[in-house]
Amino acid sequence: MMHEAVFTFQTKDAGIIAASLIPESDTEEMGRSYGECTKISDTAFEIHIQAQDLIALRAALNTWLRLVQIAEEMVQTTKKAGTTNE
C-alpha cells in the first residue's frame, strides 16, 4: 500500500524556493519513497511525497520540510544582505 502526502505552500518567494527544490525532485521512484516539487504559480508551490510505508513517509516528510525551511531561510538571508535577484 502506498502512502502519500501533499503540501501546498503559498509565499511571495514561491518561485525562488521552488527553483531551489525542483532539482531535489526524484525523477524516478528510488528506494521506499519518492518526492517531487512543482511550481504552481509565482506565489505557490507543491511538495508531493509517496512512500511504501509510514516510516519511509515520515523520513521523506522530515527531509522535504527541512529543505523548504532551509530554502526559506536562505531567501530571507539573501534579502537582508541585498544579494537576492528580486
PDB file of N, CA and C in Angstrom:
ATOM      1  N   MET A   1       0.845  -1.178   0.000  1.00  0.00           N
ATOM      2  CA  MET A   1       0.000   0.000   0.000  1.00  0.00           C
ATOM      3  C   MET A   1       0.889   1.241   0.000  1.00  0.00           C
ATOM      4  N   MET A   2       0.628   2.145  -0.930  1.00  0.00           N
ATOM      5  CA  MET A   2       1.379   3.396  -0.993  1.00  0.00           C
ATOM      6  C   MET A   2       0.716   4.436  -0.100  1.00  0.00           C
ATOM      7  N   HIS A   3       1.530   5.197   0.574  1.00  0.00           N
ATOM      8  CA  HIS A   3       1.074   6.307   1.407  1.00  0.00           C
ATOM      9  C   HIS A   3       1.546   7.584   0.729  1.00  0.00           C
ATOM     10  N   GLU A   4       0.773   8.642   0.877  1.00  0.00           N
ATOM     11  CA  GLU A   4       1.203   9.883   0.254  1.00  0.00           C
ATOM     12  C   GLU A   4       0.802  11.098   1.065  1.00  0.00           C
ATOM     13  N   ALA A   5       1.530  12.175   0.819  1.00  0.00           N
ATOM     14  CA  ALA A   5       1.251  13.461   1.457  1.00  0.00           C
ATOM     15  C   ALA A   5       1.506  14.546   0.418  1.00  0.00           C
ATOM     16  N   VAL A   6       0.660  15.561   0.439  1.00  0.00           N
ATOM     17  CA  VAL A   6       0.812  16.693  -0.468  1.00  0.00           C
ATOM     18  C   VAL A   6       0.739  17.968   0.357  1.00  0.00           C
ATOM     19  N   PHE A   7       1.728  18.819   0.200  1.00  0.00           N
ATOM     20  CA  PHE A   7       1.762  20.109   0.882  1.00  0.00           C
ATOM     21  C   PHE A   7       1.782  21.203  -0.166  1.00  0.00           C
ATOM     22  N   THR A   8       0.922  22.198   0.003  1.00  0.00           N
ATOM     23  CA  THR A   8       0.926  23.373  -0.866  1.00  0.00           C
ATOM     24  C   THR A   8       1.360  24.563  -0.027  1.00  0.00           C
ATOM     25  N   PHE A   9       2.377  25.249  -0.490  1.00  0.00           N
ATOM     26  CA  PHE A   9       2.923  26.407   0.213  1.00  0.00           C
ATOM     27  C   PHE A   9       2.615  27.656  -0.587  1.00  0.00           C
ATOM     28  N   GLN A  10       2.130  28.679   0.086  1.00  0.00           N
ATOM     29  CA  GLN A  10       1.873  29.962  -0.560  1.00  0.00           C
ATOM     30  C   GLN A  10       2.768  31.008   0.076  1.00  0.00           C
ATOM     31  N   THR A  11       3.581  31.640  -0.755  1.00  0.00           N
ATOM     32  CA  THR A  11       4.503  32.676  -0.307  1.00  0.00           C
ATOM     33  C   THR A  11       4.900  33.516  -1.511  1.00  0.00           C
ATOM     34  N   LYS A  12       5.219  34.755  -1.279  1.00  0.00           N
ATOM     35  CA  LYS A  12       5.643  35.611  -2.387  1.00  0.00           C
ATOM     36  C   LYS A  12       6.980  35.158  -2.953  1.00  0.00           C
ATOM     37  N   ASP A  13       7.714  34.331  -2.229  1.00  0.00           N
ATOM     38  CA  ASP A  13       9.003  33.811  -2.680  1.00  0.00           C
ATOM     39  C   ASP A  13       8.896  32.404  -3.269  1.00  0.00           C
ATOM     40  N   ALA A  14       7.701  31.992  -3.652  1.00  0.00           N
ATOM     41  CA  ALA A  14       7.483  30.624  -4.135  1.00  0.00           C
ATOM     42  C   ALA A  14       8.359  30.279  -5.334  1.00  0.00           C
ATOM     43  N   GLY A  15       8.525  31.209  -6.250  1.00  0.00           N
ATOM     44  CA  GLY A  15       9.333  30.938  -7.439  1.00  0.00           C
ATOM     45  C   GLY A  15      10.774  30.615  -7.104  1.00  0.00           C
ATOM     46  N   ILE A  16      11.349  31.389  -6.200  1.00  0.00           N
ATOM     47  CA  ILE A  16      12.745  31.176  -5.800  1.00  0.00           C
ATOM     48  C   ILE A  16      12.885  29.865  -5.031  1.00  0.00           C
ATOM     49  N   ILE A  17      11.979  29.630  -4.106  1.00  0.00           N
ATOM     50  CA  ILE A  17      12.052  28.412  -3.291  1.00  0.00           C
ATOM     51  C   ILE A  17      11.841  27.175  -4.158  1.00  0.00           C
ATOM     52  N   ALA A  18      10.831  27.212  -5.027  1.00  0.00           N
ATOM     53  CA  ALA A  18      10.575  26.068  -5.908  1.00  0.00           C
ATOM     54  C   ALA A  18      11.773  25.804  -6.811  1.00  0.00           C
ATOM     55  N   ALA A  19      12.375  26.854  -7.348  1.00  0.00           N
ATOM     56  CA  ALA A  19      13.539  26.682  -8.223  1.00  0.00           C
ATOM     57  C   ALA A  19      14.694  26.000  -7.496  1.00  0.00           C
ATOM     58  N   SER A  20      14.822  26.251  -6.207  1.00  0.00           N
ATOM     59  CA  SER A  20      15.900  25.613  -5.453  1.00  0.00           C
ATOM     60  C   SER A  20      15.568  24.172  -5.078  1.00  0.00           C
ATOM     61  N   LEU A  21      14.280  23.839  -4.997  1.00  0.00           N
ATOM     62  CA  LEU A  21      13.879  22.489  -4.587  1.00  0.00           C
ATOM     63  C   LEU A  21      13.635  21.536  -5.754  1.00  0.00           C
ATOM     64  N   ILE A  22      13.256  22.056  -6.906  1.00  0.00           N
ATOM     65  CA  ILE A  22      12.941  21.189  -8.050  1.00  0.00           C
ATOM     66  C   ILE A  22      14.098  20.250  -8.399  1.00  0.00           C
ATOM     67  N   PRO A  23      15.362  20.700  -8.367  1.00  0.00           N
ATOM     68  CA  PRO A  23      16.454  19.751  -8.649  1.00  0.00           C
ATOM     69  C   PRO A  23      16.535  18.585  -7.663  1.00  0.00           C
ATOM     70  N   GLU A  24      15.954  18.745  -6.486  1.00  0.00           N
ATOM     71  CA  GLU A  24      15.949  17.669  -5.495  1.00  0.00           C
ATOM     72  C   GLU A  24      14.864  16.629  -5.767  1.00  0.00           C
ATOM     73  N   SER A  25      13.953  16.947  -6.689  1.00  0.00           N
ATOM     74  CA  SER A  25      12.863  16.025  -7.013  1.00  0.00           C
ATOM     75  C   SER A  25      13.425  14.738  -7.592  1.00  0.00           C
ATOM     76  N   ASP A  26      12.800  13.641  -7.230  1.00  0.00           N
ATOM     77  CA  ASP A  26      13.196  12.344  -7.763  1.00  0.00           C
ATOM     78  C   ASP A  26      12.584  12.191  -9.147  1.00  0.00           C
ATOM     79  N   THR A  27      13.407  11.840 -10.133  1.00  0.00           N
ATOM     80  CA  THR A  27      12.885  11.650 -11.479  1.00  0.00           C
ATOM     81  C   THR A  27      12.282  10.260 -11.656  1.00  0.00           C
ATOM     82  N   GLU A  28      12.589   9.380 -10.764  1.00  0.00           N
ATOM     83  CA  GLU A  28      12.001   8.046 -10.777  1.00  0.00           C
ATOM     84  C   GLU A  28      11.931   7.529  -9.351  1.00  0.00           C
ATOM     85  N   GLU A  29      11.084   6.557  -9.145  1.00  0.00           N
ATOM     86  CA  GLU A  29      10.926   6.006  -7.804  1.00  0.00           C
ATOM     87  C   GLU A  29      12.195   5.257  -7.408  1.00  0.00           C
ATOM     88  N   MET A  30      12.791   5.701  -6.316  1.00  0.00           N
ATOM     89  CA  MET A  30      14.013   5.067  -5.824  1.00  0.00           C
ATOM     90  C   MET A  30      13.809   4.721  -4.358  1.00  0.00           C
ATOM     91  N   GLY A  31      14.264   3.584  -3.963  1.00  0.00           N
ATOM     92  CA  GLY A  31      14.116   3.208  -2.565  1.00  0.00           C
ATOM     93  C   GLY A  31      12.657   3.053  -2.184  1.00  0.00           C
ATOM     94  N   ARG A  32      12.331   3.489  -0.969  1.00  0.00           N
ATOM     95  CA  ARG A  32      10.970   3.305  -0.456  1.00  0.00           C
ATOM     96  C   ARG A  32      10.123   4.556  -0.555  1.00  0.00           C
ATOM     97  N   SER A  33      10.709   5.679  -0.994  1.00  0.00           N
ATOM     98  CA  SER A  33       9.924   6.913  -1.082  1.00  0.00           C
ATOM     99  C   SER A  33      10.277   7.698  -2.339  1.00  0.00           C
ATOM    100  N   TYR A  34       9.396   8.622  -2.673  1.00  0.00           N
ATOM    101  CA  TYR A  34       9.528   9.436  -3.868  1.00  0.00           C
ATOM    102  C   TYR A  34       9.027  10.832  -3.529  1.00  0.00           C
ATOM    103  N   GLY A  35       9.769  11.854  -3.890  1.00  0.00           N
ATOM    104  CA  GLY A  35       9.341  13.219  -3.617  1.00  0.00           C
ATOM    105  C   GLY A  35       9.499  14.100  -4.832  1.00  0.00           C
ATOM    106  N   GLU A  36       8.585  15.049  -4.978  1.00  0.00           N
ATOM    107  CA  GLU A  36       8.624  15.942  -6.129  1.00  0.00           C
ATOM    108  C   GLU A  36       8.131  17.329  -5.736  1.00  0.00           C
ATOM    109  N   CYS A  37       8.813  18.346  -6.234  1.00  0.00           N
ATOM    110  CA  CYS A  37       8.406  19.734  -6.032  1.00  0.00           C
ATOM    111  C   CYS A  37       7.922  20.278  -7.364  1.00  0.00           C
ATOM    112  N   THR A  38       6.791  20.970  -7.338  1.00  0.00           N
ATOM    113  CA  THR A  38       6.217  21.561  -8.541  1.00  0.00           C
ATOM    114  C   THR A  38       5.830  23.000  -8.258  1.00  0.00           C
ATOM    115  N   LYS A  39       6.223  23.900  -9.148  1.00  0.00           N
ATOM    116  CA  LYS A  39       5.805  25.297  -9.029  1.00  0.00           C
ATOM    117  C   LYS A  39       4.396  25.409  -9.602  1.00  0.00           C
ATOM    118  N   ILE A  40       3.463  25.909  -8.801  1.00  0.00           N
ATOM    119  CA  ILE A  40       2.076  26.057  -9.229  1.00  0.00           C
ATOM    120  C   ILE A  40       1.858  27.436  -9.839  1.00  0.00           C
ATOM    121  N   SER A  41       2.416  28.451  -9.191  1.00  0.00           N
ATOM    122  CA  SER A  41       2.296  29.833  -9.674  1.00  0.00           C
ATOM    123  C   SER A  41       3.455  30.634  -9.094  1.00  0.00           C
ATOM    124  N   ASP A  42       3.456  31.927  -9.348  1.00  0.00           N
ATOM    125  CA  ASP A  42       4.512  32.776  -8.787  1.00  0.00           C
ATOM    126  C   ASP A  42       4.434  32.859  -7.269  1.00  0.00           C
ATOM    127  N   THR A  43       3.285  32.487  -6.710  1.00  0.00           N
ATOM    128  CA  THR A  43       3.112  32.590  -5.259  1.00  0.00           C
ATOM    129  C   THR A  43       2.802  31.252  -4.589  1.00  0.00           C
ATOM    130  N   ALA A  44       2.932  30.140  -5.310  1.00  0.00           N
ATOM    131  CA  ALA A  44       2.610  28.841  -4.711  1.00  0.00           C
ATOM    132  C   ALA A  44       3.448  27.720  -5.333  1.00  0.00           C
ATOM    133  N   PHE A  45       3.821  26.771  -4.492  1.00  0.00           N
ATOM    134  CA  PHE A  45       4.469  25.555  -4.964  1.00  0.00           C
ATOM    135  C   PHE A  45       3.959  24.385  -4.138  1.00  0.00           C
ATOM    136  N   GLU A  46       4.169  23.186  -4.663  1.00  0.00           N
ATOM    137  CA  GLU A  46       3.618  21.987  -4.034  1.00  0.00           C
ATOM    138  C   GLU A  46       4.709  20.941  -3.878  1.00  0.00           C
ATOM    139  N   ILE A  47       4.664  20.249  -2.755  1.00  0.00           N
ATOM    140  CA  ILE A  47       5.536  19.107  -2.494  1.00  0.00           C
ATOM    141  C   ILE A  47       4.639  17.874  -2.436  1.00  0.00           C
ATOM    142  N   HIS A  48       4.949  16.885  -3.264  1.00  0.00           N
ATOM    143  CA  HIS A  48       4.172  15.643  -3.304  1.00  0.00           C
ATOM    144  C   HIS A  48       5.113  14.498  -2.949  1.00  0.00           C
ATOM    145  N   ILE A  49       4.752  13.748  -1.920  1.00  0.00           N
ATOM    146  CA  ILE A  49       5.595  12.662  -1.432  1.00  0.00           C
ATOM    147  C   ILE A  49       4.787  11.372  -1.409  1.00  0.00           C
ATOM    148  N   GLN A  50       5.394  10.301  -1.909  1.00  0.00           N
ATOM    149  CA  GLN A  50       4.798   8.967  -1.844  1.00  0.00           C
ATOM    150  C   GLN A  50       5.812   8.026  -1.206  1.00  0.00           C
ATOM    151  N   ALA A  51       5.309   7.074  -0.436  1.00  0.00           N
ATOM    152  CA  ALA A  51       6.199   6.113   0.215  1.00  0.00           C
ATOM    153  C   ALA A  51       5.498   4.771   0.362  1.00  0.00           C
ATOM    154  N   GLN A  52       6.306   3.735   0.418  1.00  0.00           N
ATOM    155  CA  GLN A  52       5.775   2.382   0.537  1.00  0.00           C
ATOM    156  C   GLN A  52       5.258   2.072   1.935  1.00  0.00           C
ATOM    157  N   ASP A  53       5.783   2.760   2.945  1.00  0.00           N
ATOM    158  CA  ASP A  53       5.344   2.507   4.314  1.00  0.00           C
ATOM    159  C   ASP A  53       5.397   3.810   5.104  1.00  0.00           C
ATOM    160  N   LEU A  54       4.794   3.803   6.273  1.00  0.00           N
ATOM    161  CA  LEU A  54       4.699   5.024   7.074  1.00  0.00           C
ATOM    162  C   LEU A  54       6.051   5.514   7.584  1.00  0.00           C
ATOM    163  N   ILE A  55       6.952   4.605   7.857  1.00  0.00           N
ATOM    164  CA  ILE A  55       8.277   5.009   8.328  1.00  0.00           C
ATOM    165  C   ILE A  55       9.016   5.767   7.225  1.00  0.00           C
ATOM    166  N   ALA A  56       8.956   5.249   6.009  1.00  0.00           N
ATOM    167  CA  ALA A  56       9.593   5.932   4.876  1.00  0.00           C
ATOM    168  C   ALA A  56       8.907   7.264   4.593  1.00  0.00           C
ATOM    169  N   LEU A  57       7.587   7.318   4.756  1.00  0.00           N
ATOM    170  CA  LEU A  57       6.857   8.571   4.549  1.00  0.00           C
ATOM    171  C   LEU A  57       7.307   9.616   5.567  1.00  0.00           C
ATOM    172  N   ARG A  58       7.409   9.234   6.826  1.00  0.00           N
ATOM    173  CA  ARG A  58       7.851  10.166   7.864  1.00  0.00           C
ATOM    174  C   ARG A  58       9.247  10.684   7.571  1.00  0.00           C
ATOM    175  N   ALA A  59      10.142   9.805   7.175  1.00  0.00           N
ATOM    176  CA  ALA A  59      11.512  10.220   6.870  1.00  0.00           C
ATOM    177  C   ALA A  59      11.543  11.178   5.681  1.00  0.00           C
ATOM    178  N   ALA A  60      10.781  10.870   4.647  1.00  0.00           N
ATOM    179  CA  ALA A  60      10.737  11.744   3.470  1.00  0.00           C
ATOM    180  C   ALA A  60      10.109  13.092   3.813  1.00  0.00           C
ATOM    181  N   LEU A  61       9.055  13.080   4.629  1.00  0.00           N
ATOM    182  CA  LEU A  61       8.433  14.340   5.060  1.00  0.00           C
ATOM    183  C   LEU A  61       9.432  15.200   5.820  1.00  0.00           C
ATOM    184  N   ASN A  62      10.158  14.597   6.743  1.00  0.00           N
ATOM    185  CA  ASN A  62      11.166  15.342   7.501  1.00  0.00           C
ATOM    186  C   ASN A  62      12.194  15.974   6.564  1.00  0.00           C
ATOM    187  N   THR A  63      12.640  15.204   5.589  1.00  0.00           N
ATOM    188  CA  THR A  63      13.632  15.707   4.638  1.00  0.00           C
ATOM    189  C   THR A  63      13.091  16.872   3.831  1.00  0.00           C
ATOM    190  N   TRP A  64      11.918  16.696   3.217  1.00  0.00           N
ATOM    191  CA  TRP A  64      11.370  17.741   2.349  1.00  0.00           C
ATOM    192  C   TRP A  64      10.973  18.991   3.124  1.00  0.00           C
ATOM    193  N   LEU A  65      10.388  18.827   4.287  1.00  0.00           N
ATOM    194  CA  LEU A  65      10.007  20.007   5.070  1.00  0.00           C
ATOM    195  C   LEU A  65      11.247  20.756   5.554  1.00  0.00           C
ATOM    196  N   ARG A  66      12.296  20.041   5.852  1.00  0.00           N
ATOM    197  CA  ARG A  66      13.553  20.698   6.232  1.00  0.00           C
ATOM    198  C   ARG A  66      14.144  21.442   5.038  1.00  0.00           C
ATOM    199  N   LEU A  67      14.079  20.854   3.843  1.00  0.00           N
ATOM    200  CA  LEU A  67      14.567  21.534   2.644  1.00  0.00           C
ATOM    201  C   LEU A  67      13.796  22.828   2.391  1.00  0.00           C
ATOM    202  N   VAL A  68      12.479  22.796   2.596  1.00  0.00           N
ATOM    203  CA  VAL A  68      11.667  24.009   2.438  1.00  0.00           C
ATOM    204  C   VAL A  68      12.110  25.055   3.453  1.00  0.00           C
ATOM    205  N   GLN A  69      12.305  24.643   4.690  1.00  0.00           N
ATOM    206  CA  GLN A  69      12.730  25.570   5.738  1.00  0.00           C
ATOM    207  C   GLN A  69      14.085  26.197   5.405  1.00  0.00           C
ATOM    208  N   ILE A  70      15.022  25.395   4.960  1.00  0.00           N
ATOM    209  CA  ILE A  70      16.352  25.908   4.614  1.00  0.00           C
ATOM    210  C   ILE A  70      16.257  26.893   3.453  1.00  0.00           C
ATOM    211  N   ALA A  71      15.478  26.547   2.426  1.00  0.00           N
ATOM    212  CA  ALA A  71      15.327  27.443   1.275  1.00  0.00           C
ATOM    213  C   ALA A  71      14.724  28.776   1.701  1.00  0.00           C
ATOM    214  N   GLU A  72      13.703  28.741   2.547  1.00  0.00           N
ATOM    215  CA  GLU A  72      13.077  29.972   3.033  1.00  0.00           C
ATOM    216  C   GLU A  72      14.075  30.802   3.845  1.00  0.00           C
ATOM    217  N   GLU A  73      14.841  30.152   4.697  1.00  0.00           N
ATOM    218  CA  GLU A  73      15.849  30.863   5.488  1.00  0.00           C
ATOM    219  C   GLU A  73      16.907  31.502   4.588  1.00  0.00           C
ATOM    220  N   MET A  74      17.302  30.818   3.528  1.00  0.00           N
ATOM    221  CA  MET A  74      18.312  31.365   2.619  1.00  0.00           C
ATOM    222  C   MET A  74      17.761  32.568   1.850  1.00  0.00           C
ATOM    223  N   VAL A  75      16.496  32.510   1.452  1.00  0.00           N
ATOM    224  CA  VAL A  75      15.874  33.655   0.778  1.00  0.00           C
ATOM    225  C   VAL A  75      15.890  34.859   1.706  1.00  0.00           C
ATOM    226  N   GLN A  76      15.492  34.662   2.956  1.00  0.00           N
ATOM    227  CA  GLN A  76      15.470  35.767   3.914  1.00  0.00           C
ATOM    228  C   GLN A  76      16.878  36.313   4.178  1.00  0.00           C
ATOM    229  N   THR A  77      17.855  35.421   4.267  1.00  0.00           N
ATOM    230  CA  THR A  77      19.239  35.846   4.499  1.00  0.00           C
ATOM    231  C   THR A  77      19.763  36.674   3.336  1.00  0.00           C
ATOM    232  N   THR A  78      19.499  36.224   2.109  1.00  0.00           N
ATOM    233  CA  THR A  78      19.990  36.968   0.947  1.00  0.00           C
ATOM    234  C   THR A  78      19.265  38.297   0.781  1.00  0.00           C
ATOM    235  N   LYS A  79      18.002  38.357   1.181  1.00  0.00           N
ATOM    236  CA  LYS A  79      17.281  39.635   1.133  1.00  0.00           C
ATOM    237  C   LYS A  79      17.905  40.632   2.105  1.00  0.00           C
ATOM    238  N   LYS A  80      18.235  40.160   3.301  1.00  0.00           N
ATOM    239  CA  LYS A  80      18.863  41.037   4.294  1.00  0.00           C
ATOM    240  C   LYS A  80      20.222  41.529   3.815  1.00  0.00           C
ATOM    241  N   ALA A  81      20.935  40.660   3.105  1.00  0.00           N
ATOM    242  CA  ALA A  81      22.266  41.020   2.616  1.00  0.00           C
ATOM    243  C   ALA A  81      22.198  41.812   1.313  1.00  0.00           C
ATOM    244  N   GLY A  82      21.000  41.883   0.720  1.00  0.00           N
ATOM    245  CA  GLY A  82      20.838  42.611  -0.532  1.00  0.00           C
ATOM    246  C   GLY A  82      21.391  41.889  -1.738  1.00  0.00           C
ATOM    247  N   THR A  83      21.433  40.556  -1.687  1.00  0.00           N
ATOM    248  CA  THR A  83      22.003  39.793  -2.800  1.00  0.00           C
ATOM    249  C   THR A  83      20.985  38.949  -3.539  1.00  0.00           C
ATOM    250  N   THR A  84      19.697  39.159  -3.300  1.00  0.00           N
ATOM    251  CA  THR A  84      18.674  38.380  -3.989  1.00  0.00           C
ATOM    252  C   THR A  84      18.416  38.951  -5.375  1.00  0.00           C
ATOM    253  N   ASN A  85      17.835  38.147  -6.255  1.00  0.00           N
ATOM    254  CA  ASN A  85      17.523  38.581  -7.617  1.00  0.00           C
ATOM    255  C   ASN A  85      16.295  39.461  -7.676  1.00  0.00           C
ATOM    256  N   GLU A  86      15.558  39.576  -6.593  1.00  0.00           N
ATOM    257  CA  GLU A  86      14.333  40.379  -6.610  1.00  0.00           C
ATOM    258  C   GLU A  86      14.612  41.794  -6.203  1.00  0.00           C
TER     259      GLU A  86
END
